[in-house]
Amino acid sequence: MKSTTRKHAKRIRELLDAVDVNRIEQGVELALSMQDPALIAELLSGCTIDLDGNLLFNKRFTDLSARDRWGPEPDPVRQGALTVAVLELAGRGGYSEIPLLLTRLFIDRQNIPHFPDVIGLFTALETLQLPYMHIETLPDAFATLSRLHTLVLKGNRLSALPGSLLRPGLHTLVLERNQFTMIPSDLQKISTLKTLVLTQNQLTTLPDLCGLTQLVGLGLANNRLAAFPDFVRNMPALRWLDVRDNPLRTLPRDLGSLKGLATLWLDDAQLIENPWIGDALPNTRILQQSGTSPIAKAP
């Protein structure tokens, strides 16, 4: 590496190691402006990169599993900035092996309110897990992630989804512990969806999602649903359903038409109001609260 490049590389490392988020962003801009894949490769060698399909971040960047578990908690804002830095360097730095081969990406407990559109360059992604990231918005760049089948967004601040996600491809979508007050009817365009978790949001009603004919699992617990969603009764593939801790009390009598339903979670009040449920679903485990203890069938 030429002396000028080495000088710049040293400066870039200093910026990336800074506490100030603006300096980290400056480091990324400087690195990308040099248009030197070899430099990017050297910078990323500070990360743990498995080109067979996993991207982990070491202490310099954001691998929370690598930090001393008894040490101080990392600054989630700085950690988030460093994560974005790595994604930008890997995605836009000319070191093409990473975005073309990365199939699974897991990042958690950082602060990235507006997730960057560079994620759209990682076109090989099949599984993307971003729990507890303070995410408020997702980019339309998800449109390029045609191989993505599992998306976990638990514990964020989302209240809407980009239209680019509302298409066939996903098998699992976890939106637990967000800030959704409504779900778009276009969600049923994800006709391949098998698991949908909407637990712990602020939903008062749901649109007709009858297009989700392949749905196997549906989590609706801890919302504000006052009525049982009609479309659920027309989901022949449904294997498990969780409606605990909602204002809804009366369950539809024709729930017994779900012959394949293996597990149903109900709360105490729902069980009291619907003592017939055990007879209607004789082959279904009816679980209560924690979801760990079977409830005896009503006599």
C-alpha atoms as a PDB file:
ATOM      1  CA  MET A   1       0.000   0.000   0.000  1.00  0.00           C
ATOM      2  CA  LYS A   2       1.421   3.405  -0.975  1.00  0.00           C
ATOM      3  CA  SER A   3       2.471   5.811   1.784  1.00  0.00           C
ATOM      4  CA  THR A   4      -0.359   8.234   0.933  1.00  0.00           C
ATOM      5  CA  THR A   5      -2.888   5.443   1.150  1.00  0.00           C
ATOM      6  CA  ARG A   6      -1.402   4.266   4.448  1.00  0.00           C
ATOM      7  CA  LYS A   7      -1.682   7.784   5.806  1.00  0.00           C
ATOM      8  CA  HIS A   8      -5.322   7.900   4.817  1.00  0.00           C
ATOM      9  CA  ALA A   9      -5.930   4.419   6.220  1.00  0.00           C
ATOM     10  CA  LYS A  10      -4.514   5.493   9.583  1.00  0.00           C
ATOM     11  CA  ARG A  11      -6.732   8.556   9.579  1.00  0.00           C
ATOM     12  CA  ILE A  12      -9.775   6.468   8.682  1.00  0.00           C
ATOM     13  CA  ARG A  13      -9.119   4.069  11.556  1.00  0.00           C
ATOM     14  CA  GLU A  14      -8.819   7.006  13.959  1.00  0.00           C
ATOM     15  CA  LEU A  15     -12.170   8.319  12.776  1.00  0.00           C
ATOM     16  CA  LEU A  16     -13.851   4.925  13.021  1.00  0.00           C
ATOM     17  CA  ASP A  17     -12.504   4.482  16.539  1.00  0.00           C
ATOM     18  CA  ALA A  18     -13.880   7.854  17.628  1.00  0.00           C
ATOM     19  CA  VAL A  19     -16.717   8.257  20.104  1.00  0.00           C
ATOM     20  CA  ASP A  20     -18.340  11.042  18.102  1.00  0.00           C
ATOM     21  CA  VAL A  21     -20.825   9.741  15.514  1.00  0.00           C
ATOM     22  CA  ASN A  22     -20.024  12.536  13.058  1.00  0.00           C
ATOM     23  CA  ARG A  23     -16.365  11.521  13.018  1.00  0.00           C
ATOM     24  CA  ILE A  24     -17.327   7.910  12.327  1.00  0.00           C
ATOM     25  CA  GLU A  25     -19.403   9.080   9.368  1.00  0.00           C
ATOM     26  CA  GLN A  26     -16.452  11.163   8.140  1.00  0.00           C
ATOM     27  CA  GLY A  27     -14.279   8.058   8.271  1.00  0.00           C
ATOM     28  CA  VAL A  28     -16.727   6.157   6.092  1.00  0.00           C
ATOM     29  CA  GLU A  29     -16.938   9.004   3.573  1.00  0.00           C
ATOM     30  CA  LEU A  30     -13.148   9.250   3.381  1.00  0.00           C
ATOM     31  CA  ALA A  31     -12.760   5.492   2.917  1.00  0.00           C
ATOM     32  CA  LEU A  32     -15.375   5.341   0.161  1.00  0.00           C
ATOM     33  CA  SER A  33     -13.958   8.391  -1.614  1.00  0.00           C
ATOM     34  CA  MET A  34     -10.634   6.597  -2.115  1.00  0.00           C
ATOM     35  CA  GLN A  35     -12.255   3.926  -4.303  1.00  0.00           C
ATOM     36  CA  ASP A  36      -9.707   1.362  -3.170  1.00  0.00           C
ATOM     37  CA  PRO A  37     -11.113  -2.176  -2.624  1.00  0.00           C
ATOM     38  CA  ALA A  38      -7.826  -3.289  -1.060  1.00  0.00           C
ATOM     39  CA  LEU A  39      -8.129  -0.556   1.567  1.00  0.00           C
ATOM     40  CA  ILE A  40     -11.732  -1.520   2.263  1.00  0.00           C
ATOM     41  CA  ALA A  41     -10.681  -5.160   2.606  1.00  0.00           C
ATOM     42  CA  GLU A  42      -8.020  -4.153   5.140  1.00  0.00           C
ATOM     43  CA  LEU A  43     -10.466  -2.058   7.129  1.00  0.00           C
ATOM     44  CA  LEU A  44     -13.003  -4.854   7.193  1.00  0.00           C
ATOM     45  CA  SER A  45     -10.365  -7.345   8.303  1.00  0.00           C
ATOM     46  CA  GLY A  46     -10.916  -5.805  11.731  1.00  0.00           C
ATOM     47  CA  CYS A  47     -14.311  -7.514  11.650  1.00  0.00           C
ATOM     48  CA  THR A  48     -15.036 -11.195  11.813  1.00  0.00           C
ATOM     49  CA  ILE A  49     -16.290 -11.966   8.326  1.00  0.00           C
ATOM     50  CA  ASP A  50     -17.315 -15.412   7.211  1.00  0.00           C
ATOM     51  CA  LEU A  51     -17.944 -15.279   3.488  1.00  0.00           C
ATOM     52  CA  ASP A  52     -19.891 -18.523   3.652  1.00  0.00           C
ATOM     53  CA  GLY A  53     -22.837 -16.533   4.862  1.00  0.00           C
ATOM     54  CA  ASN A  54     -22.361 -14.838   8.224  1.00  0.00           C
ATOM     55  CA  LEU A  55     -21.306 -11.323   9.157  1.00  0.00           C
ATOM     56  CA  LEU A  56     -20.312 -10.709  12.758  1.00  0.00           C
ATOM     57  CA  PHE A  57     -18.803  -7.574  14.199  1.00  0.00           C
ATOM     58  CA  ASN A  58     -15.911  -7.534  16.632  1.00  0.00           C
ATOM     59  CA  LYS A  59     -15.419  -5.106  19.533  1.00  0.00           C
ATOM     60  CA  ARG A  60     -14.190  -2.308  17.270  1.00  0.00           C
ATOM     61  CA  PHE A  61     -17.532  -2.426  15.578  1.00  0.00           C
ATOM     62  CA  THR A  62     -20.657  -3.966  17.059  1.00  0.00           C
ATOM     63  CA  ASP A  63     -20.412  -7.572  18.156  1.00  0.00           C
ATOM     64  CA  LEU A  64     -22.264  -7.415  21.471  1.00  0.00           C
ATOM     65  CA  SER A  65     -21.464 -11.061  22.144  1.00  0.00           C
ATOM     66  CA  ALA A  66     -17.757 -10.189  22.112  1.00  0.00           C
ATOM     67  CA  ARG A  67     -17.903  -7.549  24.852  1.00  0.00           C
ATOM     68  CA  ASP A  68     -17.120  -8.303  28.470  1.00  0.00           C
ATOM     69  CA  ARG A  69     -20.491  -9.318  29.874  1.00  0.00           C
ATOM     70  CA  TRP A  70     -19.591  -7.743  33.222  1.00  0.00           C
ATOM     71  CA  GLY A  71     -18.286  -4.548  31.666  1.00  0.00           C
ATOM     72  CA  PRO A  72     -20.169  -1.313  31.042  1.00  0.00           C
ATOM     73  CA  GLU A  73     -23.011  -1.300  28.541  1.00  0.00           C
ATOM     74  CA  PRO A  74     -21.898   0.060  25.141  1.00  0.00           C
ATOM     75  CA  ASP A  75     -23.296   3.313  23.808  1.00  0.00           C
ATOM     76  CA  PRO A  76     -26.112   2.143  21.489  1.00  0.00           C
ATOM     77  CA  VAL A  77     -25.892   5.316  19.373  1.00  0.00           C
ATOM     78  CA  ARG A  78     -22.173   4.828  18.709  1.00  0.00           C
ATOM     79  CA  GLN A  79     -22.676   1.116  18.193  1.00  0.00           C
ATOM     80  CA  GLY A  80     -25.399   1.858  15.669  1.00  0.00           C
ATOM     81  CA  ALA A  81     -23.149   4.301  13.804  1.00  0.00           C
ATOM     82  CA  LEU A  82     -20.398   1.702  13.641  1.00  0.00           C
ATOM     83  CA  THR A  83     -22.804  -0.916  12.321  1.00  0.00           C
ATOM     84  CA  VAL A  84     -23.884   1.449   9.556  1.00  0.00           C
ATOM     85  CA  ALA A  85     -20.193   2.146   8.874  1.00  0.00           C
ATOM     86  CA  VAL A  86     -19.472  -1.539   8.364  1.00  0.00           C
ATOM     87  CA  LEU A  87     -22.517  -1.985   6.126  1.00  0.00           C
ATOM     88  CA  GLU A  88     -21.546   1.042   4.058  1.00  0.00           C
ATOM     89  CA  LEU A  89     -17.939  -0.105   3.684  1.00  0.00           C
ATOM     90  CA  ALA A  90     -18.955  -3.670   2.848  1.00  0.00           C
ATOM     91  CA  GLY A  91     -21.758  -2.651   0.511  1.00  0.00           C
ATOM     92  CA  ARG A  92     -20.326   0.345  -1.329  1.00  0.00           C
ATOM     93  CA  GLY A  93     -16.578  -0.117  -0.981  1.00  0.00           C
ATOM     94  CA  GLY A  94     -15.955  -2.286  -4.022  1.00  0.00           C
ATOM     95  CA  TYR A  95     -15.225  -5.347  -1.890  1.00  0.00           C
ATOM     96  CA  SER A  96     -18.062  -7.181  -3.602  1.00  0.00           C
ATOM     97  CA  GLU A  97     -17.740 -10.636  -2.057  1.00  0.00           C
ATOM     98  CA  ILE A  98     -19.607  -9.634   1.100  1.00  0.00           C
ATOM     99  CA  PRO A  99     -22.863  -8.208  -0.316  1.00  0.00           C
ATOM    100  CA  LEU A 100     -23.024 -10.993  -2.894  1.00  0.00           C
ATOM    101  CA  LEU A 101     -22.472 -13.877  -0.453  1.00  0.00           C
ATOM    102  CA  LEU A 102     -23.925 -12.723   2.871  1.00  0.00           C
ATOM    103  CA  THR A 103     -27.063 -14.772   3.563  1.00  0.00           C
ATOM    104  CA  ARG A 104     -27.709 -14.133   7.289  1.00  0.00           C
ATOM    105  CA  LEU A 105     -27.350 -10.893   9.225  1.00  0.00           C
ATOM    106  CA  PHE A 106     -28.127 -10.427  12.927  1.00  0.00           C
ATOM    107  CA  ILE A 107     -27.706  -7.093  14.713  1.00  0.00           C
ATOM    108  CA  ASP A 108     -29.401  -6.200  17.995  1.00  0.00           C
ATOM    109  CA  ARG A 109     -29.753  -3.633  20.785  1.00  0.00           C
ATOM    110  CA  GLN A 110     -28.361  -0.619  19.003  1.00  0.00           C
ATOM    111  CA  ASN A 111     -29.780   2.732  17.964  1.00  0.00           C
ATOM    112  CA  ILE A 112     -30.461   3.095  14.227  1.00  0.00           C
ATOM    113  CA  PRO A 113     -33.816   4.942  13.965  1.00  0.00           C
ATOM    114  CA  HIS A 114     -33.735   5.118  10.173  1.00  0.00           C
ATOM    115  CA  PHE A 115     -32.235   1.934   8.798  1.00  0.00           C
ATOM    116  CA  PRO A 116     -29.954   2.749   5.834  1.00  0.00           C
ATOM    117  CA  ASP A 117     -30.797   1.858   2.256  1.00  0.00           C
ATOM    118  CA  VAL A 118     -27.366   0.247   1.829  1.00  0.00           C
ATOM    119  CA  ILE A 119     -29.087  -2.926   3.053  1.00  0.00           C
ATOM    120  CA  GLY A 120     -30.515  -3.224  -0.447  1.00  0.00           C
ATOM    121  CA  LEU A 121     -27.050  -4.044  -1.793  1.00  0.00           C
ATOM    122  CA  PHE A 122     -26.894  -7.276   0.204  1.00  0.00           C
ATOM    123  CA  THR A 123     -28.971  -9.135  -2.352  1.00  0.00           C
ATOM    124  CA  ALA A 124     -28.088 -12.640  -1.115  1.00  0.00           C
ATOM    125  CA  LEU A 125     -29.725 -12.080   2.287  1.00  0.00           C
ATOM    126  CA  GLU A 126     -32.153 -14.803   3.308  1.00  0.00           C
ATOM    127  CA  THR A 127     -32.450 -14.052   7.035  1.00  0.00           C
ATOM    128  CA  LEU A 128     -32.358 -10.571   8.567  1.00  0.00           C
ATOM    129  CA  GLN A 129     -32.804 -10.081  12.310  1.00  0.00           C
ATOM    130  CA  LEU A 130     -32.852  -6.545  13.735  1.00  0.00           C
ATOM    131  CA  PRO A 131     -34.380  -6.768  17.225  1.00  0.00           C
ATOM    132  CA  TYR A 132     -34.340  -3.862  19.698  1.00  0.00           C
ATOM    133  CA  MET A 133     -32.707  -1.384  17.326  1.00  0.00           C
ATOM    134  CA  HIS A 134     -34.966   1.670  17.911  1.00  0.00           C
ATOM    135  CA  ILE A 135     -35.902   1.465  14.214  1.00  0.00           C
ATOM    136  CA  GLU A 136     -38.641   3.905  13.208  1.00  0.00           C
ATOM    137  CA  THR A 137     -38.482   3.564   9.422  1.00  0.00           C
ATOM    138  CA  LEU A 138     -37.319   0.977   6.909  1.00  0.00           C
ATOM    139  CA  PRO A 139     -36.020   1.868   3.428  1.00  0.00           C
ATOM    140  CA  ASP A 140     -37.686   0.949   0.144  1.00  0.00           C
ATOM    141  CA  ALA A 141     -34.367  -0.731  -0.683  1.00  0.00           C
ATOM    142  CA  PHE A 142     -35.908  -3.960   0.640  1.00  0.00           C
ATOM    143  CA  ALA A 143     -37.277  -4.340  -2.894  1.00  0.00           C
ATOM    144  CA  THR A 144     -33.939  -5.797  -4.015  1.00  0.00           C
ATOM    145  CA  LEU A 145     -33.853  -8.492  -1.314  1.00  0.00           C
ATOM    146  CA  SER A 146     -35.694 -11.065  -3.393  1.00  0.00           C
ATOM    147  CA  ARG A 147     -34.211 -14.025  -1.478  1.00  0.00           C
ATOM    148  CA  LEU A 148     -35.242 -12.756   1.960  1.00  0.00           C
ATOM    149  CA  HIS A 149     -37.523 -15.278   3.699  1.00  0.00           C
ATOM    150  CA  THR A 150     -37.125 -14.399   7.409  1.00  0.00           C
ATOM    151  CA  LEU A 151     -37.414 -10.871   8.805  1.00  0.00           C
ATOM    152  CA  VAL A 152     -37.368 -10.288  12.571  1.00  0.00           C
ATOM    153  CA  LEU A 153     -38.056  -6.711  13.717  1.00  0.00           C
ATOM    154  CA  LYS A 154     -39.021  -7.340  17.329  1.00  0.00           C
ATOM    155  CA  GLY A 155     -38.759  -4.496  19.842  1.00  0.00           C
ATOM    156  CA  ASN A 156     -38.519  -1.499  17.526  1.00  0.00           C
ATOM    157  CA  ARG A 157     -40.593   1.660  16.990  1.00  0.00           C
ATOM    158  CA  LEU A 158     -42.177   0.840  13.663  1.00  0.00           C
ATOM    159  CA  SER A 159     -45.697   1.973  12.828  1.00  0.00           C
ATOM    160  CA  ALA A 160     -45.605   1.291   9.078  1.00  0.00           C
ATOM    161  CA  LEU A 161     -43.958  -1.015   6.543  1.00  0.00           C
ATOM    162  CA  PRO A 162     -42.423  -0.028   3.205  1.00  0.00           C
ATOM    163  CA  GLY A 163     -44.450  -1.095   0.197  1.00  0.00           C
ATOM    164  CA  SER A 164     -41.381  -2.934  -1.103  1.00  0.00           C
ATOM    165  CA  LEU A 165     -41.904  -5.584   1.595  1.00  0.00           C
ATOM    166  CA  LEU A 166     -45.504  -6.285   0.627  1.00  0.00           C
ATOM    167  CA  ARG A 167     -44.841  -8.941  -2.010  1.00  0.00           C
ATOM    168  CA  PRO A 168     -44.415 -12.730  -2.083  1.00  0.00           C
ATOM    169  CA  GLY A 169     -41.154 -14.117  -0.711  1.00  0.00           C
ATOM    170  CA  LEU A 170     -41.203 -13.809   3.082  1.00  0.00           C
ATOM    171  CA  HIS A 171     -42.023 -16.911   5.127  1.00  0.00           C
ATOM    172  CA  THR A 172     -41.595 -15.384   8.589  1.00  0.00           C
ATOM    173  CA  LEU A 173     -42.380 -11.820   9.665  1.00  0.00           C
ATOM    174  CA  VAL A 174     -41.981 -10.859  13.331  1.00  0.00           C
ATOM    175  CA  LEU A 175     -43.290  -7.385  14.249  1.00  0.00           C
ATOM    176  CA  GLU A 176     -43.674  -8.008  17.964  1.00  0.00           C
ATOM    177  CA  ARG A 177     -43.295  -5.022  20.356  1.00  0.00           C
ATOM    178  CA  ASN A 178     -43.586  -2.200  17.882  1.00  0.00           C
ATOM    179  CA  GLN A 179     -46.017   0.717  17.584  1.00  0.00           C
ATOM    180  CA  PHE A 180     -48.466  -0.470  14.950  1.00  0.00           C
ATOM    181  CA  THR A 181     -52.002   0.852  15.350  1.00  0.00           C
ATOM    182  CA  MET A 182     -53.076  -0.627  12.031  1.00  0.00           C
ATOM    183  CA  ILE A 183     -51.858  -3.198   9.542  1.00  0.00           C
ATOM    184  CA  PRO A 184     -52.294  -2.541   5.805  1.00  0.00           C
ATOM    185  CA  SER A 185     -54.592  -4.871   3.908  1.00  0.00           C
ATOM    186  CA  ASP A 186     -51.779  -5.180   1.354  1.00  0.00           C
ATOM    187  CA  LEU A 187     -49.983  -7.362   3.880  1.00  0.00           C
ATOM    188  CA  GLN A 188     -51.896 -10.242   2.331  1.00  0.00           C
ATOM    189  CA  LYS A 189     -49.801  -9.723  -0.801  1.00  0.00           C
ATOM    190  CA  ILE A 190     -47.097 -11.639   1.079  1.00  0.00           C
ATOM    191  CA  SER A 191     -48.911 -14.784   0.006  1.00  0.00           C
ATOM    192  CA  THR A 192     -45.929 -16.975   0.959  1.00  0.00           C
ATOM    193  CA  LEU A 193     -46.122 -15.974   4.639  1.00  0.00           C
ATOM    194  CA  LYS A 194     -46.245 -18.887   7.086  1.00  0.00           C
ATOM    195  CA  THR A 195     -45.603 -17.130  10.420  1.00  0.00           C
ATOM    196  CA  LEU A 196     -46.866 -13.656  11.354  1.00  0.00           C
ATOM    197  CA  VAL A 197     -46.236 -12.268  14.844  1.00  0.00           C
ATOM    198  CA  LEU A 198     -48.015  -9.006  15.731  1.00  0.00           C
ATOM    199  CA  THR A 199     -47.867  -9.456  19.501  1.00  0.00           C
ATOM    200  CA  GLN A 200     -47.620  -6.387  21.772  1.00  0.00           C
ATOM    201  CA  ASN A 201     -48.644  -3.616  19.417  1.00  0.00           C
ATOM    202  CA  GLN A 202     -51.624  -1.250  19.614  1.00  0.00           C
ATOM    203  CA  LEU A 203     -53.951  -2.906  17.133  1.00  0.00           C
ATOM    204  CA  THR A 204     -57.676  -2.361  17.635  1.00  0.00           C
ATOM    205  CA  THR A 205     -58.721  -4.137  14.454  1.00  0.00           C
ATOM    206  CA  LEU A 206     -57.236  -6.083  11.566  1.00  0.00           C
ATOM    207  CA  PRO A 207     -58.027  -5.909   7.851  1.00  0.00           C
ATOM    208  CA  ASP A 208     -59.156  -8.930   5.901  1.00  0.00           C
ATOM    209  CA  LEU A 209     -55.979 -10.955   5.380  1.00  0.00           C
ATOM    210  CA  CYS A 210     -57.640 -13.898   3.669  1.00  0.00           C
ATOM    211  CA  GLY A 211     -54.874 -13.915   1.064  1.00  0.00           C
ATOM    212  CA  LEU A 212     -52.496 -15.428   3.631  1.00  0.00           C
ATOM    213  CA  THR A 213     -53.671 -18.950   2.879  1.00  0.00           C
ATOM    214  CA  GLN A 214     -50.337 -20.555   3.801  1.00  0.00           C
ATOM    215  CA  LEU A 215     -50.249 -19.065   7.304  1.00  0.00           C
ATOM    216  CA  VAL A 216     -49.267 -21.648   9.916  1.00  0.00           C
ATOM    217  CA  GLY A 217     -48.788 -19.403  12.959  1.00  0.00           C
ATOM    218  CA  LEU A 218     -50.446 -16.129  13.998  1.00  0.00           C
ATOM    219  CA  GLY A 219     -49.529 -14.153  17.122  1.00  0.00           C
ATOM    220  CA  LEU A 220     -52.006 -11.438  18.150  1.00  0.00           C
ATOM    221  CA  ALA A 221     -51.530 -11.337  21.928  1.00  0.00           C
ATOM    222  CA  ASN A 222     -51.284  -8.100  23.923  1.00  0.00           C
ATOM    223  CA  ASN A 223     -53.134  -5.821  21.531  1.00  0.00           C
ATOM    224  CA  ARG A 224     -56.455  -3.969  21.748  1.00  0.00           C
ATOM    225  CA  LEU A 225     -58.583  -6.258  19.618  1.00  0.00           C
ATOM    226  CA  ALA A 226     -62.208  -6.210  20.734  1.00  0.00           C
ATOM    227  CA  ALA A 227     -63.464  -8.677  18.124  1.00  0.00           C
ATOM    228  CA  PHE A 228     -62.123 -11.929  16.776  1.00  0.00           C
ATOM    229  CA  PRO A 229     -60.706 -11.435  13.218  1.00  0.00           C
ATOM    230  CA  ASP A 230     -63.124 -13.068  10.781  1.00  0.00           C
ATOM    231  CA  PHE A 231     -60.445 -14.064   8.272  1.00  0.00           C
ATOM    232  CA  VAL A 232     -58.791 -16.420  10.775  1.00  0.00           C
ATOM    233  CA  ARG A 233     -61.646 -18.897  10.385  1.00  0.00           C
ATOM    234  CA  ASN A 234     -60.731 -19.303   6.715  1.00  0.00           C
ATOM    235  CA  MET A 235     -57.107 -20.309   7.205  1.00  0.00           C
ATOM    236  CA  PRO A 236     -56.944 -24.069   6.711  1.00  0.00           C
ATOM    237  CA  ALA A 237     -53.174 -24.308   7.255  1.00  0.00           C
ATOM    238  CA  LEU A 238     -53.216 -22.576  10.677  1.00  0.00           C
ATOM    239  CA  ARG A 239     -51.428 -24.647  13.339  1.00  0.00           C
ATOM    240  CA  TRP A 240     -51.092 -22.176  16.219  1.00  0.00           C
ATOM    241  CA  LEU A 241     -52.951 -19.042  17.278  1.00  0.00           C
ATOM    242  CA  ASP A 242     -52.369 -16.671  20.207  1.00  0.00           C
ATOM    243  CA  VAL A 243     -55.093 -14.127  21.100  1.00  0.00           C
ATOM    244  CA  ARG A 244     -54.344 -13.623  24.818  1.00  0.00           C
ATOM    245  CA  ASP A 245     -54.553 -10.273  26.587  1.00  0.00           C
ATOM    246  CA  ASN A 246     -56.966  -8.552  24.227  1.00  0.00           C
ATOM    247  CA  PRO A 247     -60.360  -7.026  25.090  1.00  0.00           C
ATOM    248  CA  LEU A 248     -62.018  -9.675  22.917  1.00  0.00           C
ATOM    249  CA  ARG A 249     -63.901 -12.163  25.030  1.00  0.00           C
ATOM    250  CA  THR A 250     -66.324 -14.001  22.752  1.00  0.00           C
ATOM    251  CA  LEU A 251     -64.845 -16.504  20.350  1.00  0.00           C
ATOM    252  CA  PRO A 252     -66.743 -17.595  17.226  1.00  0.00           C
ATOM    253  CA  ARG A 253     -68.502 -20.928  17.553  1.00  0.00           C
ATOM    254  CA  ASP A 254     -67.268 -22.033  14.139  1.00  0.00           C
ATOM    255  CA  LEU A 255     -63.642 -21.865  15.336  1.00  0.00           C
ATOM    256  CA  GLY A 256     -63.917 -25.618  15.387  1.00  0.00           C
ATOM    257  CA  SER A 257     -63.645 -25.552  11.608  1.00  0.00           C
ATOM    258  CA  LEU A 258     -59.880 -25.104  12.046  1.00  0.00           C
ATOM    259  CA  LYS A 259     -59.268 -28.842  12.128  1.00  0.00           C
ATOM    260  CA  GLY A 260     -55.497 -28.456  11.842  1.00  0.00           C
ATOM    261  CA  LEU A 261     -55.153 -26.056  14.784  1.00  0.00           C
ATOM    262  CA  ALA A 262     -52.702 -27.735  17.155  1.00  0.00           C
ATOM    263  CA  THR A 263     -52.259 -24.995  19.785  1.00  0.00           C
ATOM    264  CA  LEU A 264     -54.480 -22.129  20.931  1.00  0.00           C
ATOM    265  CA  TRP A 265     -53.392 -19.615  23.566  1.00  0.00           C
ATOM    266  CA  LEU A 266     -56.172 -17.943  25.598  1.00  0.00           C
ATOM    267  CA  ASP A 267     -56.239 -15.858  28.771  1.00  0.00           C
ATOM    268  CA  ASP A 268     -58.351 -16.564  31.867  1.00  0.00           C
ATOM    269  CA  ALA A 269     -61.252 -14.327  30.862  1.00  0.00           C
ATOM    270  CA  GLN A 270     -61.487 -15.858  27.395  1.00  0.00           C
ATOM    271  CA  LEU A 271     -61.571 -19.353  28.864  1.00  0.00           C
ATOM    272  CA  ILE A 272     -64.332 -18.399  31.306  1.00  0.00           C
ATOM    273  CA  GLU A 273     -66.439 -16.771  28.578  1.00  0.00           C
ATOM    274  CA  ASN A 274     -66.034 -19.697  26.188  1.00  0.00           C
ATOM    275  CA  PRO A 275     -66.321 -22.931  28.199  1.00  0.00           C
ATOM    276  CA  TRP A 276     -67.347 -24.812  25.052  1.00  0.00           C
ATOM    277  CA  ILE A 277     -63.999 -24.280  23.326  1.00  0.00           C
ATOM    278  CA  GLY A 278     -62.525 -27.608  24.453  1.00  0.00           C
ATOM    279  CA  ASP A 279     -65.366 -29.566  22.889  1.00  0.00           C
ATOM    280  CA  ALA A 280     -65.219 -27.536  19.676  1.00  0.00           C
ATOM    281  CA  LEU A 281     -61.495 -28.192  19.315  1.00  0.00           C
ATOM    282  CA  PRO A 282     -60.962 -31.683  20.756  1.00  0.00           C
ATOM    283  CA  ASN A 283     -57.579 -32.131  19.080  1.00  0.00           C
ATOM    284  CA  THR A 284     -56.181 -28.724  20.038  1.00  0.00           C
ATOM    285  CA  ARG A 285     -53.951 -27.964  23.019  1.00  0.00           C
ATOM    286  CA  ILE A 286     -55.453 -24.957  24.768  1.00  0.00           C
ATOM    287  CA  LEU A 287     -52.776 -23.119  26.710  1.00  0.00           C
ATOM    288  CA  GLN A 288     -53.131 -20.330  29.217  1.00  0.00           C
ATOM    289  CA  GLN A 289     -51.079 -17.187  29.941  1.00  0.00           C
ATOM    290  CA  SER A 290     -47.482 -18.417  29.874  1.00  0.00           C
ATOM    291  CA  GLY A 291     -48.293 -20.882  27.136  1.00  0.00           C
ATOM    292  CA  THR A 292     -46.539 -23.685  28.990  1.00  0.00           C
ATOM    293  CA  SER A 293     -49.344 -25.594  30.747  1.00  0.00           C
ATOM    294  CA  PRO A 294     -52.149 -27.358  28.902  1.00  0.00           C
ATOM    295  CA  ILE A 295     -55.638 -26.401  30.044  1.00  0.00           C
ATOM    296  CA  ALA A 296     -58.010 -29.233  30.682  1.00  0.00           C
ATOM    297  CA  LYS A 297     -60.883 -29.570  28.263  1.00  0.00           C
ATOM    298  CA  ALA A 298     -64.236 -28.363  29.476  1.00  0.00           C
ATOM    299  CA  PRO A 299     -66.486 -31.236  30.587  1.00  0.00           C
END
